[in-house]
Amino acid sequence: MKIASLETFTNQFVCFVRATTDSGAVGWGQTSTYNADITASVFHRQVAPWTLGQDAFDIDALVERVEEREHKFPGSYRCRALAGLDTALWDLRGKLERKPVVELLGGKPKRLRAYASSMRRDITPEAEAARFIRLRDTSGFDAFKWRVGAECGHDVDEWPGRTEAIVPQVARALGDGIAKLVDANSGFSPRRAIEVGRRLEAEGIGHYEEPCPYWKPEETRQVTEALRLDVAGGEQDCELGIWARTIAMRAVDIVQPDVMYMGGIARTLKVARMAAAAGLPCTPHSANRSLVTLCTMHLLGAIDNPGKYLELSIEGADYYPWEGGLFLQDPYQVEDGQVTIPSEPGWGVEVNPDWLKAAAYQRSSLSA
């Protein structure tokens, strides 16, 4: 079964991909979010030409073919574009075999514990604690992540004293029996990261994400070696060689590949397997409610070394206005702090036709 056409439907933030075979079978995927219109151009220029006319079921070989043919262009945009191909082909295969992707990967649909993930640094400690408590009491979440430092902050906080204020205030407001996580987004030097990490440990926080600049894994390793809590990272990394190095040096305790940044399920599985061989858990990054989180749910239901929970963004239209109306149904319904991997074929979700009508359209095909 050959790939006959690859279509993209795009705005600035989201790019959906429709793959159609010579038999008329269809699968839907998504490139990585943000600058998705640029990624769509990369997709049609550097992914589609090497995959049209090829076997739609041989996903690993197709991904490797693009990597080799475009070897002069390693890095983020190639991987972001590859994710659109990979995820569309997994959906296509699932629909043809009448199985959810999680089963294609060797797992089963099930419920997953989710952690409520805050994306905000413009929020006060009081407001963050209050909305976490509401979510705890109304949706049953028993795990929460909030932000410390400033993104790539060079030890400068979002505003003076915010980290020292928000760590104890939120941790103590949530109380016992709640898993507590924080994310520094490359904000600290090793010295400052360790200092903050000891404050986290004192407040019962067990997960410390990306404490140092992600491109300096040696610095992150210093933090990992100095602290008792789990240090996590890797969401930005898309090159397998960097992952091999990071895992070999045990720069982190938990690996966090992002399915879309990595280039799709096939490449993310390679990271998860490297981590499993090293005895490390995999808790992927999935920081918005586009297709990335649904793909991550299917992945977590199948790998041998899943982390404790799924990252689930709690931000709404005021923070991510572009998330609205992507799907005909909400695949992220939370019950007792858990979400359910769909059992329908493929990803188990339908892209909203009205969203597609409003998007910029481009097509690559064998006949073009």
Protein backbone atom coordinates (compact mmCIF):
# COMPACT_ATOMS: atom_id res chain seq x y z
CA MET A 1 0.00 0.00 0.00
CA LYS A 2 1.67 3.18 -1.24
CA ILE A 3 1.40 6.78 -0.08
CA ALA A 4 -0.42 8.64 -2.85
CA SER A 5 -0.83 12.10 -1.33
CA LEU A 6 0.14 14.16 1.72
CA GLU A 7 -1.93 17.21 2.61
CA THR A 8 -1.46 19.86 5.29
CA PHE A 9 -4.03 22.09 6.96
CA THR A 10 -2.27 24.87 8.80
CA ASN A 11 -2.41 28.02 10.85
CA GLN A 12 0.46 29.63 12.73
CA PHE A 13 0.16 27.23 15.66
CA VAL A 14 -1.16 23.88 14.42
CA CYS A 15 -0.61 21.80 11.28
CA PHE A 16 -2.68 18.68 10.68
CA VAL A 17 -1.50 16.16 8.08
CA ARG A 18 -3.71 13.86 6.03
CA ALA A 19 -2.00 10.87 4.41
CA THR A 20 -3.91 9.02 1.67
CA THR A 21 -2.84 5.75 0.08
CA ASP A 22 -3.33 4.48 -3.45
CA SER A 23 -6.22 2.41 -2.08
CA GLY A 24 -7.95 5.50 -0.68
CA ALA A 25 -7.20 4.74 2.99
CA VAL A 26 -6.67 7.85 5.11
CA GLY A 27 -4.78 8.68 8.31
CA TRP A 28 -4.52 11.91 10.26
CA GLY A 29 -1.50 13.24 12.10
CA GLN A 30 0.04 16.49 13.25
CA THR A 31 3.38 18.23 13.03
CA SER A 32 4.69 19.93 16.14
CA THR A 33 2.89 23.04 17.30
CA TYR A 34 4.23 26.62 17.04
CA ASN A 35 5.42 28.12 13.76
CA ALA A 36 3.43 25.28 12.24
CA ASP A 37 3.06 27.18 8.97
CA ILE A 38 6.86 27.14 8.61
CA THR A 39 6.91 23.43 9.49
CA ALA A 40 4.31 22.75 6.78
CA SER A 41 6.67 24.24 4.19
CA VAL A 42 9.47 22.01 5.45
CA PHE A 43 7.08 19.04 5.31
CA HIS A 44 6.24 19.52 1.63
CA ARG A 45 9.80 20.41 0.64
CA GLN A 46 11.82 17.90 2.64
CA VAL A 47 9.52 15.09 3.82
CA ALA A 48 6.85 14.50 1.18
CA PRO A 49 9.21 14.06 -1.84
CA TRP A 50 11.00 11.13 -0.16
CA THR A 51 7.87 9.36 1.05
CA LEU A 52 5.30 9.63 -1.73
CA GLY A 53 5.00 6.29 -3.52
CA GLN A 54 6.57 4.43 -0.60
CA ASP A 55 5.11 1.70 1.62
CA ALA A 56 2.75 3.39 4.09
CA PHE A 57 3.20 0.63 6.68
CA ASP A 58 7.01 0.79 6.88
CA ILE A 59 7.12 3.81 9.17
CA ASP A 60 10.59 3.24 10.61
CA ALA A 61 12.11 2.89 7.14
CA LEU A 62 10.36 6.03 5.90
CA VAL A 63 11.59 8.07 8.85
CA GLU A 64 15.14 6.84 8.30
CA ARG A 65 14.84 7.56 4.56
CA VAL A 66 13.96 11.19 5.24
CA GLU A 67 16.75 11.49 7.80
CA GLU A 68 19.29 10.17 5.31
CA ARG A 69 18.05 12.12 2.28
CA GLU A 70 17.95 15.30 4.34
CA HIS A 71 21.10 14.63 6.34
CA LYS A 72 22.32 18.17 5.75
CA PHE A 73 19.31 19.43 7.69
CA PRO A 74 19.31 17.73 11.08
CA GLY A 75 17.48 19.30 13.96
CA SER A 76 14.23 20.79 15.04
CA TYR A 77 12.24 21.64 11.91
CA ARG A 78 12.99 18.39 10.12
CA CYS A 79 11.87 16.45 13.18
CA ARG A 80 8.79 18.63 13.69
CA ALA A 81 7.79 17.98 10.09
CA LEU A 82 8.54 14.25 10.34
CA ALA A 83 6.08 14.04 13.22
CA GLY A 84 3.26 14.86 10.81
CA LEU A 85 4.14 11.93 8.57
CA ASP A 86 4.75 9.47 11.40
CA THR A 87 1.57 10.24 13.34
CA ALA A 88 -0.60 10.20 10.21
CA LEU A 89 0.73 6.79 9.22
CA TRP A 90 0.16 5.30 12.67
CA ASP A 91 -3.43 6.54 12.52
CA LEU A 92 -3.84 5.12 9.02
CA ARG A 93 -2.54 1.72 10.07
CA GLY A 94 -4.78 1.67 13.14
CA LYS A 95 -7.85 2.41 11.05
CA LEU A 96 -6.98 -0.26 8.51
CA GLU A 97 -6.38 -2.86 11.23
CA ARG A 98 -9.31 -1.55 13.32
CA LYS A 99 -7.09 -1.12 16.35
CA PRO A 100 -6.08 1.84 18.49
CA VAL A 101 -2.45 2.85 18.09
CA VAL A 102 -1.70 1.69 21.64
CA GLU A 103 -2.47 -1.88 20.53
CA LEU A 104 -0.28 -1.55 17.46
CA LEU A 105 2.50 -0.63 19.87
CA GLY A 106 1.88 -3.68 22.05
CA GLY A 107 -0.29 -2.17 24.80
CA LYS A 108 -3.98 -1.86 25.62
CA PRO A 109 -6.40 1.03 26.16
CA LYS A 110 -6.54 1.90 29.84
CA ARG A 111 -6.76 4.74 32.27
CA LEU A 112 -3.69 6.86 32.95
CA ARG A 113 -2.94 8.96 35.99
CA ALA A 114 -2.44 12.58 34.89
CA TYR A 115 -0.67 15.45 36.53
CA ALA A 116 -2.20 18.90 36.20
CA SER A 117 0.45 20.96 34.45
CA SER A 118 0.55 24.73 34.84
CA MET A 119 2.25 26.70 32.07
CA ARG A 120 2.13 30.07 33.77
CA ARG A 121 4.79 32.24 35.31
CA ASP A 122 2.62 35.36 35.34
CA ILE A 123 0.51 33.90 38.14
CA THR A 124 0.93 34.68 41.83
CA PRO A 125 1.61 31.92 44.36
CA GLU A 126 -1.82 32.54 45.90
CA ALA A 127 -3.66 32.21 42.57
CA GLU A 128 -1.70 29.10 41.56
CA ALA A 129 -2.44 27.39 44.87
CA ALA A 130 -6.13 28.28 44.62
CA ARG A 131 -6.64 26.86 41.15
CA PHE A 132 -4.73 23.68 42.03
CA ILE A 133 -6.97 23.13 45.04
CA ARG A 134 -10.06 23.60 42.85
CA LEU A 135 -8.76 21.00 40.40
CA ARG A 136 -7.87 18.63 43.22
CA ASP A 137 -11.37 18.90 44.66
CA THR A 138 -13.37 18.91 41.40
CA SER A 139 -11.37 16.65 39.06
CA GLY A 140 -9.54 14.42 41.51
CA PHE A 141 -6.00 15.29 40.43
CA ASP A 142 -3.41 14.00 42.88
CA ALA A 143 -0.36 15.36 41.05
CA PHE A 144 0.50 18.93 40.05
CA LYS A 145 3.36 20.77 38.35
CA TRP A 146 4.12 24.46 38.55
CA ARG A 147 6.83 26.82 37.33
CA VAL A 148 9.86 28.21 39.14
CA GLY A 149 12.57 30.58 37.97
CA ALA A 150 12.28 32.25 34.58
CA GLU A 151 12.55 30.53 31.22
CA CYS A 152 16.27 30.54 30.29
CA GLY A 153 16.49 32.98 33.17
CA HIS A 154 20.20 33.08 34.06
CA ASP A 155 19.27 32.82 37.76
CA VAL A 156 16.92 35.80 37.47
CA ASP A 157 13.40 35.00 38.66
CA GLU A 158 10.20 35.97 36.86
CA TRP A 159 9.97 38.63 39.54
CA PRO A 160 12.16 38.97 42.64
CA GLY A 161 11.43 36.31 45.23
CA ARG A 162 8.79 34.44 43.24
CA THR A 163 10.51 31.02 43.44
CA GLU A 164 11.08 31.29 47.19
CA ALA A 165 7.42 32.26 47.64
CA ILE A 166 5.66 29.84 45.31
CA VAL A 167 7.50 26.66 46.30
CA PRO A 168 6.32 26.46 49.94
CA GLN A 169 2.98 28.18 49.37
CA VAL A 170 1.73 25.77 46.70
CA ALA A 171 3.33 22.68 48.25
CA ARG A 172 1.79 23.32 51.66
CA ALA A 173 -1.61 24.29 50.25
CA LEU A 174 -1.83 20.96 48.41
CA GLY A 175 -0.90 19.03 51.53
CA ASP A 176 0.07 15.40 51.98
CA GLY A 177 -0.76 12.61 49.56
CA ILE A 178 -0.21 14.80 46.49
CA ALA A 179 2.66 14.37 44.03
CA LYS A 180 4.39 17.71 43.54
CA LEU A 181 6.48 18.65 40.51
CA VAL A 182 8.19 21.85 39.40
CA ASP A 183 9.67 23.01 36.09
CA ALA A 184 12.54 25.50 35.79
CA ASN A 185 12.71 25.59 31.96
CA SER A 186 16.50 25.97 31.77
CA GLY A 187 16.37 28.79 34.30
CA PHE A 188 19.30 28.18 36.64
CA SER A 189 23.04 27.73 36.92
CA PRO A 190 24.07 24.53 38.72
CA ARG A 191 24.76 26.44 41.94
CA ARG A 192 21.36 28.13 41.99
CA ALA A 193 19.61 24.98 40.75
CA ILE A 194 20.99 22.97 43.64
CA GLU A 195 20.02 25.68 46.10
CA VAL A 196 16.45 25.68 44.77
CA GLY A 197 16.44 21.88 44.66
CA ARG A 198 17.16 21.67 48.38
CA ARG A 199 14.18 23.95 49.01
CA LEU A 200 12.07 21.60 46.89
CA GLU A 201 13.22 18.57 48.86
CA ALA A 202 12.37 20.31 52.12
CA GLU A 203 8.81 20.85 50.87
CA GLY A 204 8.29 17.27 49.67
CA ILE A 205 8.57 17.99 45.96
CA GLY A 206 9.81 14.95 44.09
CA HIS A 207 10.25 16.02 40.45
CA TYR A 208 12.55 18.84 39.28
CA GLU A 209 12.37 19.48 35.55
CA GLU A 210 15.03 21.07 33.34
CA PRO A 211 16.84 22.95 36.12
CA CYS A 212 19.77 24.06 33.93
CA PRO A 213 20.08 25.06 30.28
CA TYR A 214 19.02 21.93 28.40
CA TRP A 215 21.90 22.24 25.95
CA LYS A 216 24.37 21.79 28.84
CA PRO A 217 23.69 18.26 30.12
CA GLU A 218 26.88 18.28 32.18
CA GLU A 219 25.38 21.07 34.28
CA THR A 220 22.15 19.15 34.74
CA ARG A 221 24.15 16.11 35.83
CA GLN A 222 25.71 18.17 38.61
CA VAL A 223 22.23 18.88 39.93
CA THR A 224 21.13 15.25 39.57
CA GLU A 225 24.17 14.06 41.53
CA ALA A 226 23.70 16.63 44.29
CA LEU A 227 20.00 16.04 45.04
CA ARG A 228 17.80 13.19 46.27
CA LEU A 229 14.69 14.11 44.30
CA ASP A 230 14.21 13.10 40.66
CA VAL A 231 15.71 15.45 38.09
CA ALA A 232 13.94 15.26 34.73
CA GLY A 233 14.63 16.66 31.28
CA GLY A 234 14.95 16.24 27.55
CA GLU A 235 11.80 17.79 26.15
CA GLN A 236 13.76 19.99 23.72
CA ASP A 237 16.13 17.29 22.48
CA CYS A 238 15.37 15.73 19.11
CA GLU A 239 18.70 14.20 18.09
CA LEU A 240 19.22 10.56 19.01
CA GLY A 241 22.97 11.08 19.51
CA ILE A 242 22.29 13.70 22.18
CA TRP A 243 19.83 11.36 23.85
CA ALA A 244 22.38 8.53 23.88
CA ARG A 245 24.91 10.85 25.50
CA THR A 246 22.46 12.23 28.06
CA ILE A 247 21.34 8.75 29.09
CA ALA A 248 24.88 7.33 29.17
CA MET A 249 26.06 10.09 31.52
CA ARG A 250 22.84 9.79 33.56
CA ALA A 251 22.30 13.51 33.37
CA VAL A 252 18.69 12.98 34.48
CA ASP A 253 16.67 10.49 36.50
CA ILE A 254 13.62 10.73 34.19
CA VAL A 255 13.66 11.18 30.40
CA GLN A 256 11.05 13.47 28.84
CA PRO A 257 11.04 13.26 25.05
CA ASP A 258 8.25 15.15 23.26
CA VAL A 259 6.58 13.02 20.58
CA MET A 260 6.19 15.96 18.20
CA TYR A 261 9.59 17.56 18.80
CA MET A 262 11.21 14.13 18.37
CA GLY A 263 9.63 13.46 14.99
CA GLY A 264 6.85 11.07 15.92
CA ILE A 265 6.24 7.78 17.67
CA ALA A 266 8.97 5.75 15.93
CA ARG A 267 11.82 8.04 17.01
CA THR A 268 10.36 8.57 20.49
CA LEU A 269 10.22 4.81 20.98
CA LYS A 270 13.97 4.69 20.37
CA VAL A 271 14.52 7.11 23.24
CA ALA A 272 12.16 5.21 25.52
CA ARG A 273 14.00 1.97 24.77
CA MET A 274 17.42 3.53 25.38
CA ALA A 275 16.12 4.79 28.71
CA ALA A 276 14.62 1.40 29.59
CA ALA A 277 17.96 -0.30 28.93
CA ALA A 278 19.53 2.16 31.39
CA GLY A 279 16.81 1.63 33.99
CA LEU A 280 15.28 5.10 33.55
CA PRO A 281 11.54 5.88 33.33
CA CYS A 282 10.01 7.84 30.46
CA THR A 283 7.52 10.63 31.25
CA PRO A 284 7.08 12.44 27.91
CA HIS A 285 6.56 16.16 27.57
CA SER A 286 3.03 16.97 26.34
CA ALA A 287 2.34 20.57 27.21
CA ASN A 288 -0.77 21.39 25.18
CA ARG A 289 -4.05 19.77 24.19
CA SER A 290 -3.41 19.35 20.49
CA LEU A 291 -2.72 15.84 19.17
CA VAL A 292 0.60 15.60 21.06
CA THR A 293 -1.01 14.62 24.35
CA LEU A 294 -3.22 11.98 22.74
CA CYS A 295 -0.23 10.44 20.96
CA THR A 296 1.60 10.44 24.27
CA MET A 297 -1.29 8.62 25.95
CA HIS A 298 -1.07 5.80 23.39
CA LEU A 299 2.70 5.65 23.83
CA LEU A 300 2.51 5.50 27.63
CA GLY A 301 0.02 2.65 27.39
CA ALA A 302 2.55 0.52 25.53
CA ILE A 303 6.15 1.19 26.64
CA ASP A 304 7.87 -0.94 29.27
CA ASN A 305 9.17 2.02 31.31
CA PRO A 306 6.32 4.53 31.61
CA GLY A 307 6.69 7.22 34.24
CA LYS A 308 4.17 7.74 37.01
CA TYR A 309 1.82 9.98 35.08
CA LEU A 310 0.82 11.82 31.91
CA GLU A 311 1.43 15.56 31.59
CA LEU A 312 -1.94 17.28 31.01
CA SER A 313 -2.05 21.04 30.50
CA ILE A 314 -4.63 22.86 32.61
CA GLU A 315 -4.53 26.07 30.59
CA GLY A 316 -7.60 27.30 28.75
CA ALA A 317 -8.40 29.64 25.91
CA ASP A 318 -6.95 32.64 27.72
CA TYR A 319 -3.50 31.04 27.49
CA TYR A 320 -3.81 28.80 24.40
CA PRO A 321 -6.56 30.38 22.25
CA TRP A 322 -5.47 28.28 19.29
CA GLU A 323 -6.42 25.00 21.03
CA GLY A 324 -10.14 25.64 20.65
CA GLY A 325 -12.13 23.64 18.12
CA LEU A 326 -9.37 21.26 17.02
CA PHE A 327 -11.43 18.08 17.53
CA LEU A 328 -15.06 17.05 17.33
CA GLN A 329 -14.77 15.43 20.76
CA ASP A 330 -12.64 16.14 23.80
CA PRO A 331 -10.18 13.25 24.24
CA TYR A 332 -8.92 14.66 27.54
CA GLN A 333 -11.84 14.16 29.88
CA VAL A 334 -10.55 13.81 33.44
CA GLU A 335 -12.19 11.53 35.98
CA ASP A 336 -10.64 10.97 39.39
CA GLY A 337 -7.43 12.52 38.14
CA GLN A 338 -7.19 10.08 35.24
CA VAL A 339 -7.69 10.12 31.48
CA THR A 340 -8.54 7.17 29.25
CA ILE A 341 -6.65 6.01 26.16
CA PRO A 342 -9.25 5.75 23.36
CA SER A 343 -10.18 2.27 22.17
CA GLU A 344 -11.36 3.42 18.72
CA PRO A 345 -9.12 2.74 15.71
CA GLY A 346 -6.08 4.96 15.20
CA TRP A 347 -5.77 7.87 17.57
CA GLY A 348 -9.48 7.69 18.36
CA VAL A 349 -10.29 11.32 17.62
CA GLU A 350 -11.71 13.26 14.66
CA VAL A 351 -10.29 16.56 13.49
CA ASN A 352 -12.95 19.28 13.33
CA PRO A 353 -13.98 19.90 9.68
CA ASP A 354 -14.75 23.54 10.46
CA TRP A 355 -11.18 24.04 11.70
CA LEU A 356 -9.86 22.45 8.50
CA LYS A 357 -11.97 24.75 6.30
CA ALA A 358 -10.39 27.80 7.91
CA ALA A 359 -6.82 26.51 7.57
CA ALA A 360 -4.25 27.14 4.86
CA TYR A 361 -4.11 24.11 2.55
CA GLN A 362 -1.28 22.47 0.65
CA ARG A 363 -1.02 19.13 -1.16
CA SER A 364 1.83 16.97 -2.40
CA SER A 365 0.96 13.96 -4.52
CA LEU A 366 2.37 11.44 -6.97
CA SER A 367 0.46 13.11 -9.79
CA ALA A 368 1.55 16.66 -8.90
